[in-house]
N, C-alpha and C. Protein backbone atom coordinates (compact mmCIF):
# COMPACT_ATOMS: atom_id res chain seq x y z
N UNK A 1 121.58 127.92 128.47
CA UNK A 1 120.68 127.12 127.47
C UNK A 1 119.37 128.09 127.44
N UNK A 2 118.87 128.29 126.04
CA UNK A 2 117.98 129.19 125.68
C UNK A 2 117.32 128.28 124.53
N UNK A 3 115.89 128.29 124.99
CA UNK A 3 114.69 127.85 124.38
C UNK A 3 113.45 128.18 124.66
N UNK A 4 112.28 127.95 123.85
CA UNK A 4 111.22 128.89 123.80
C UNK A 4 110.33 128.59 124.39
N UNK A 5 109.88 129.17 125.73
CA UNK A 5 108.92 128.65 126.70
C UNK A 5 107.49 127.58 125.73
N UNK A 6 107.34 126.99 126.17
CA UNK A 6 106.30 126.02 125.47
C UNK A 6 104.59 127.15 125.48
N UNK A 7 104.00 126.83 124.63
CA UNK A 7 102.92 127.69 124.49
C UNK A 7 103.10 129.23 124.16
N UNK A 8 104.27 129.81 124.33
CA UNK A 8 104.26 130.97 124.10
C UNK A 8 105.62 131.06 123.15
N UNK A 9 105.47 131.01 121.80
CA UNK A 9 106.23 131.04 120.91
C UNK A 9 107.40 132.26 120.68
N UNK A 10 107.21 133.50 121.54
CA UNK A 10 107.82 133.98 121.61
C UNK A 10 108.49 135.01 122.59
N UNK A 11 108.28 133.99 123.61
CA UNK A 11 108.66 134.01 125.03
C UNK A 11 110.02 133.24 125.38
N UNK A 12 111.59 133.69 125.39
CA UNK A 12 112.57 132.91 125.29
C UNK A 12 112.16 132.24 127.13
N UNK A 13 112.40 130.84 126.73
CA UNK A 13 113.15 130.31 128.53
C UNK A 13 114.37 129.86 128.99
N UNK A 14 115.11 130.83 129.44
CA UNK A 14 116.49 130.58 129.56
C UNK A 14 116.87 129.01 130.95
N UNK A 15 117.39 128.23 130.51
CA UNK A 15 117.49 127.15 131.47
C UNK A 15 119.23 127.07 132.14
N UNK A 16 119.46 126.58 133.18
CA UNK A 16 120.99 126.48 133.65
C UNK A 16 121.43 125.45 133.38
N UNK A 17 122.88 125.29 133.28
CA UNK A 17 123.05 123.98 133.08
C UNK A 17 123.79 123.52 134.12
N UNK A 18 123.27 121.93 134.30
CA UNK A 18 123.75 121.35 135.66
C UNK A 18 122.93 122.40 137.01
N UNK A 19 123.71 121.75 138.30
CA UNK A 19 122.85 122.43 139.51
C UNK A 19 123.50 124.11 139.61
N UNK A 20 123.81 124.59 139.16
CA UNK A 20 123.86 126.21 139.24
C UNK A 20 122.37 126.80 139.26
N UNK A 21 122.29 127.90 139.48
CA UNK A 21 120.89 128.47 139.45
C UNK A 21 121.47 129.48 138.73
N UNK A 22 120.05 130.23 138.10
CA UNK A 22 120.38 131.70 136.75
C UNK A 22 120.65 132.39 137.93
N UNK A 23 120.08 132.84 138.99
CA UNK A 23 119.98 133.96 139.89
C UNK A 23 121.43 134.18 140.07
N UNK A 24 122.18 133.45 140.44
CA UNK A 24 124.33 133.73 140.41
C UNK A 24 124.23 135.18 139.65
N UNK A 25 123.63 134.78 138.37
CA UNK A 25 124.12 135.75 137.47
C UNK A 25 123.25 136.54 136.56
N UNK A 26 121.81 136.56 137.58
CA UNK A 26 121.28 137.46 136.93
C UNK A 26 121.48 138.60 137.52
N UNK A 27 120.98 140.03 136.35
CA UNK A 27 121.11 141.29 136.53
C UNK A 27 120.15 142.03 137.75
N UNK A 28 118.93 141.29 137.84
CA UNK A 28 117.85 141.44 138.35
C UNK A 28 117.53 140.79 139.81
N UNK A 29 118.76 139.70 139.91
CA UNK A 29 119.04 139.21 141.36
C UNK A 29 120.18 140.25 142.17
N UNK A 30 120.99 141.09 141.29
CA UNK A 30 121.89 141.52 141.32
C UNK A 30 121.93 143.04 142.37
N UNK A 31 120.99 143.19 141.37
CA UNK A 31 119.89 144.90 142.03
C UNK A 31 118.73 144.24 142.76
N UNK A 32 118.38 143.09 142.87
CA UNK A 32 117.39 143.21 143.84
C UNK A 32 116.38 143.25 143.46
N UNK A 33 115.77 143.40 142.44
CA UNK A 33 114.56 143.87 141.81
C UNK A 33 113.67 142.82 141.25
N UNK A 34 114.17 141.18 141.41
CA UNK A 34 113.41 139.87 140.65
C UNK A 34 112.02 139.84 141.64
N UNK A 35 110.99 139.29 140.87
CA UNK A 35 110.23 139.32 141.86
C UNK A 35 110.01 137.32 141.26
N UNK A 36 110.24 136.66 140.61
CA UNK A 36 110.38 136.19 140.31
C UNK A 36 110.12 134.49 141.78
N UNK A 37 109.39 133.38 141.68
CA UNK A 37 108.98 133.49 142.64
C UNK A 37 109.84 132.31 142.82
N UNK A 38 110.53 131.54 142.09
CA UNK A 38 111.85 130.59 142.72
C UNK A 38 113.34 130.75 142.91
N UNK A 39 113.60 132.07 142.98
CA UNK A 39 114.80 133.34 142.99
C UNK A 39 114.94 132.48 144.85
N UNK A 40 116.04 132.68 145.34
CA UNK A 40 117.31 133.01 144.84
C UNK A 40 118.13 131.38 143.76
N UNK A 41 117.04 130.20 143.87
CA UNK A 41 117.52 129.19 143.12
C UNK A 41 116.40 128.52 142.11
N UNK A 42 116.34 129.47 140.93
CA UNK A 42 115.77 129.26 139.57
C UNK A 42 116.22 128.33 139.10
N UNK A 43 116.06 127.24 138.18
CA UNK A 43 116.78 126.47 137.49
C UNK A 43 115.90 127.04 136.05
N UNK A 44 115.04 127.35 135.92
CA UNK A 44 114.44 127.86 134.35
C UNK A 44 113.87 129.29 134.93
N UNK A 45 113.83 130.32 133.64
CA UNK A 45 113.28 131.37 133.80
C UNK A 45 113.15 132.16 132.61
N UNK A 46 112.03 132.84 132.59
CA UNK A 46 111.68 134.05 131.14
C UNK A 46 112.18 134.88 131.45
N UNK A 47 112.74 135.60 132.59
CA UNK A 47 113.06 136.88 132.84
C UNK A 47 114.75 137.45 133.05
N UNK A 48 115.26 136.20 132.47
CA UNK A 48 116.75 136.34 133.04
C UNK A 48 117.67 136.76 132.11
N UNK A 49 118.39 138.04 132.41
CA UNK A 49 119.02 138.64 131.84
C UNK A 49 120.80 138.58 132.61
N UNK A 50 121.30 138.31 131.50
CA UNK A 50 122.68 137.88 131.65
C UNK A 50 123.83 138.79 132.39
N UNK A 51 124.36 139.08 133.98
CA UNK A 51 125.00 139.66 134.32
C UNK A 51 126.42 140.01 133.22
N UNK A 52 126.97 138.88 133.04
CA UNK A 52 128.36 139.54 132.65
C UNK A 52 127.76 139.56 130.78
N UNK A 53 127.31 139.56 130.32
CA UNK A 53 126.47 139.85 128.44
C UNK A 53 127.12 141.34 128.53
N UNK A 54 127.10 142.39 127.16
CA UNK A 54 127.21 143.78 127.20
C UNK A 54 126.09 144.46 126.90
N UNK A 55 125.53 145.17 127.60
CA UNK A 55 124.36 145.84 127.00
C UNK A 55 124.47 146.07 125.72
N UNK A 56 123.18 145.62 124.86
CA UNK A 56 123.21 146.32 123.56
C UNK A 56 123.01 147.86 123.45
N UNK A 57 123.63 148.43 122.55
CA UNK A 57 123.20 150.03 122.37
C UNK A 57 122.16 150.47 121.90
N UNK A 58 121.02 151.49 123.00
CA UNK A 58 120.42 151.56 122.50
C UNK A 58 120.30 152.12 120.70
N UNK A 59 119.52 152.45 120.13
CA UNK A 59 119.22 153.32 119.18
C UNK A 59 118.11 153.99 118.99
N UNK A 60 118.33 155.73 118.92
CA UNK A 60 117.16 156.54 119.17
C UNK A 60 116.20 155.98 118.11
N UNK A 61 115.25 156.34 118.39
CA UNK A 61 113.59 155.88 118.09
C UNK A 61 113.53 156.85 117.43
N UNK A 62 112.53 156.45 115.81
CA UNK A 62 112.57 157.64 114.68
C UNK A 62 111.03 158.16 114.70
N UNK A 63 111.22 159.04 114.81
CA UNK A 63 109.51 159.64 115.04
C UNK A 63 109.43 161.15 114.47
N UNK A 64 108.88 160.44 112.99
CA UNK A 64 108.59 161.39 111.62
C UNK A 64 108.06 162.73 112.46
N UNK A 65 108.50 163.95 112.18
CA UNK A 65 107.91 165.47 112.23
C UNK A 65 106.54 165.18 111.10
N UNK A 66 105.78 166.01 112.08
CA UNK A 66 104.34 166.43 111.72
C UNK A 66 103.86 167.81 111.17
N UNK A 67 103.44 167.68 110.23
CA UNK A 67 103.18 169.28 110.17
C UNK A 67 102.10 169.65 111.10
N UNK A 68 101.53 170.79 110.59
CA UNK A 68 100.22 171.50 111.39
C UNK A 68 99.01 170.69 110.98
N UNK A 69 98.55 170.39 109.93
CA UNK A 69 97.85 169.97 109.71
C UNK A 69 97.15 168.06 110.24
N UNK A 70 98.75 167.58 110.19
CA UNK A 70 98.49 166.39 110.51
C UNK A 70 98.56 166.36 112.00
N UNK A 71 98.85 167.17 112.81
CA UNK A 71 98.96 167.69 113.65
C UNK A 71 97.39 167.47 114.57
N UNK A 72 96.61 168.52 113.66
CA UNK A 72 95.17 168.88 114.13
C UNK A 72 94.19 167.88 114.24
N UNK A 73 94.63 166.91 112.50
CA UNK A 73 94.20 165.93 112.53
C UNK A 73 94.30 164.92 113.71
N UNK A 74 94.96 164.51 113.71
CA UNK A 74 95.70 163.32 115.00
C UNK A 74 95.20 164.05 116.33
N UNK A 75 95.05 165.30 116.64
CA UNK A 75 94.12 165.97 117.58
C UNK A 75 92.86 165.41 117.90
N UNK A 76 92.44 165.56 116.60
CA UNK A 76 90.92 165.51 116.18
C UNK A 76 90.14 164.51 116.26
N UNK A 77 91.44 163.10 116.16
CA UNK A 77 90.80 161.37 116.28
C UNK A 77 90.66 161.39 117.41
N UNK A 78 91.40 162.01 118.30
CA UNK A 78 91.51 161.48 119.51
C UNK A 78 90.64 162.43 120.56
N UNK A 79 90.14 163.32 120.30
CA UNK A 79 89.25 163.84 120.90
C UNK A 79 87.61 164.99 120.45
N UNK A 80 87.20 163.83 119.86
CA UNK A 80 85.93 164.13 118.85
C UNK A 80 84.93 164.58 119.72
N UNK A 81 84.73 163.97 121.15
CA UNK A 81 83.80 164.34 122.01
C UNK A 81 84.34 166.14 122.40
N UNK A 82 85.30 166.36 122.47
CA UNK A 82 85.84 167.87 122.59
C UNK A 82 85.27 168.90 121.82
N UNK A 83 85.34 168.36 120.80
CA UNK A 83 85.23 169.16 119.41
C UNK A 83 83.61 168.84 119.02
N UNK A 84 82.65 168.20 119.44
CA UNK A 84 81.74 168.61 119.29
C UNK A 84 80.89 169.05 120.62
N UNK A 85 81.39 169.19 121.64
CA UNK A 85 80.89 170.10 122.89
C UNK A 85 81.65 171.61 122.10
N UNK A 86 82.62 171.73 121.98
CA UNK A 86 82.77 173.19 121.17
C UNK A 86 81.83 173.38 120.39
N UNK A 87 81.49 173.16 119.11
CA UNK A 87 80.48 173.17 118.21
C UNK A 87 79.00 173.77 118.85
N UNK A 88 79.12 172.80 120.01
CA UNK A 88 77.27 173.07 120.83
C UNK A 88 77.65 174.53 121.16
N UNK A 89 78.72 175.10 121.86
CA UNK A 89 78.76 175.86 123.09
C UNK A 89 78.89 177.19 121.65
N UNK A 90 79.40 176.88 120.75
CA UNK A 90 79.59 177.89 119.82
C UNK A 90 78.43 178.27 119.29
N UNK A 91 77.42 177.18 118.99
CA UNK A 91 76.11 177.53 118.52
C UNK A 91 75.28 178.28 119.47
N UNK A 92 75.57 177.67 120.53
CA UNK A 92 74.30 177.98 121.44
C UNK A 92 74.90 179.52 121.93
N UNK A 93 75.77 179.94 122.06
CA UNK A 93 76.31 181.07 122.81
C UNK A 93 75.88 182.22 121.12
N UNK A 94 75.92 181.60 119.65
CA UNK A 94 75.88 182.76 118.65
C UNK A 94 74.05 182.77 118.66
N UNK A 95 73.67 182.02 118.82
CA UNK A 95 72.28 181.83 118.82
C UNK A 95 71.75 182.69 119.94
N UNK A 96 72.08 183.06 121.23
CA UNK A 96 71.70 183.97 122.36
C UNK A 96 72.20 185.27 121.85
N UNK A 97 73.52 185.14 121.34
CA UNK A 97 73.80 186.64 120.60
C UNK A 97 72.31 187.36 119.46
N UNK A 98 72.46 186.28 118.60
CA UNK A 98 71.18 186.94 117.59
C UNK A 98 69.90 187.03 118.70
N UNK A 99 69.34 186.18 119.34
CA UNK A 99 68.03 186.68 119.89
C UNK A 99 68.58 187.84 120.88
N UNK A 100 69.62 188.23 121.44
CA UNK A 100 69.56 189.58 122.12
C UNK A 100 69.59 190.37 121.36
N UNK A 101 69.83 190.54 120.26
CA UNK A 101 70.10 191.96 118.90
C UNK A 101 69.07 192.33 119.32
N UNK A 102 68.36 191.08 118.77
CA UNK A 102 66.69 191.66 118.01
C UNK A 102 65.62 192.32 118.57
C-alpha cells in the first residue's frame, strides 16, 4: 500500500498489508544495507524498495557540450578569487620589471 508521508508530500510512505513486514521483500534488507530502526519488523517505511519489481532502465543523462568561451566563463564564475590573485601577481611582477629596467 503506497501513501504519502504526513507533512512530507514528496516522500512516499509504504505500508504493509496485514501482519507481514515490509523487510521480507525489501532489497535493502536482502543486501543488509538497511539502517531503518524498525528493521526487520517494519510495517511502515519511506525507504522501501520491492525486491520483486523490475528495476527501471536508467537513461543516460543529457549533458550539453560547451564551447571554450562557455567553459572559461563557468570557470571564472566559480573561481573569482584565483583570477584576482593572478591579476595582482601579474601587476606586481610588471611593476617590479618596470622599476628594475629604469
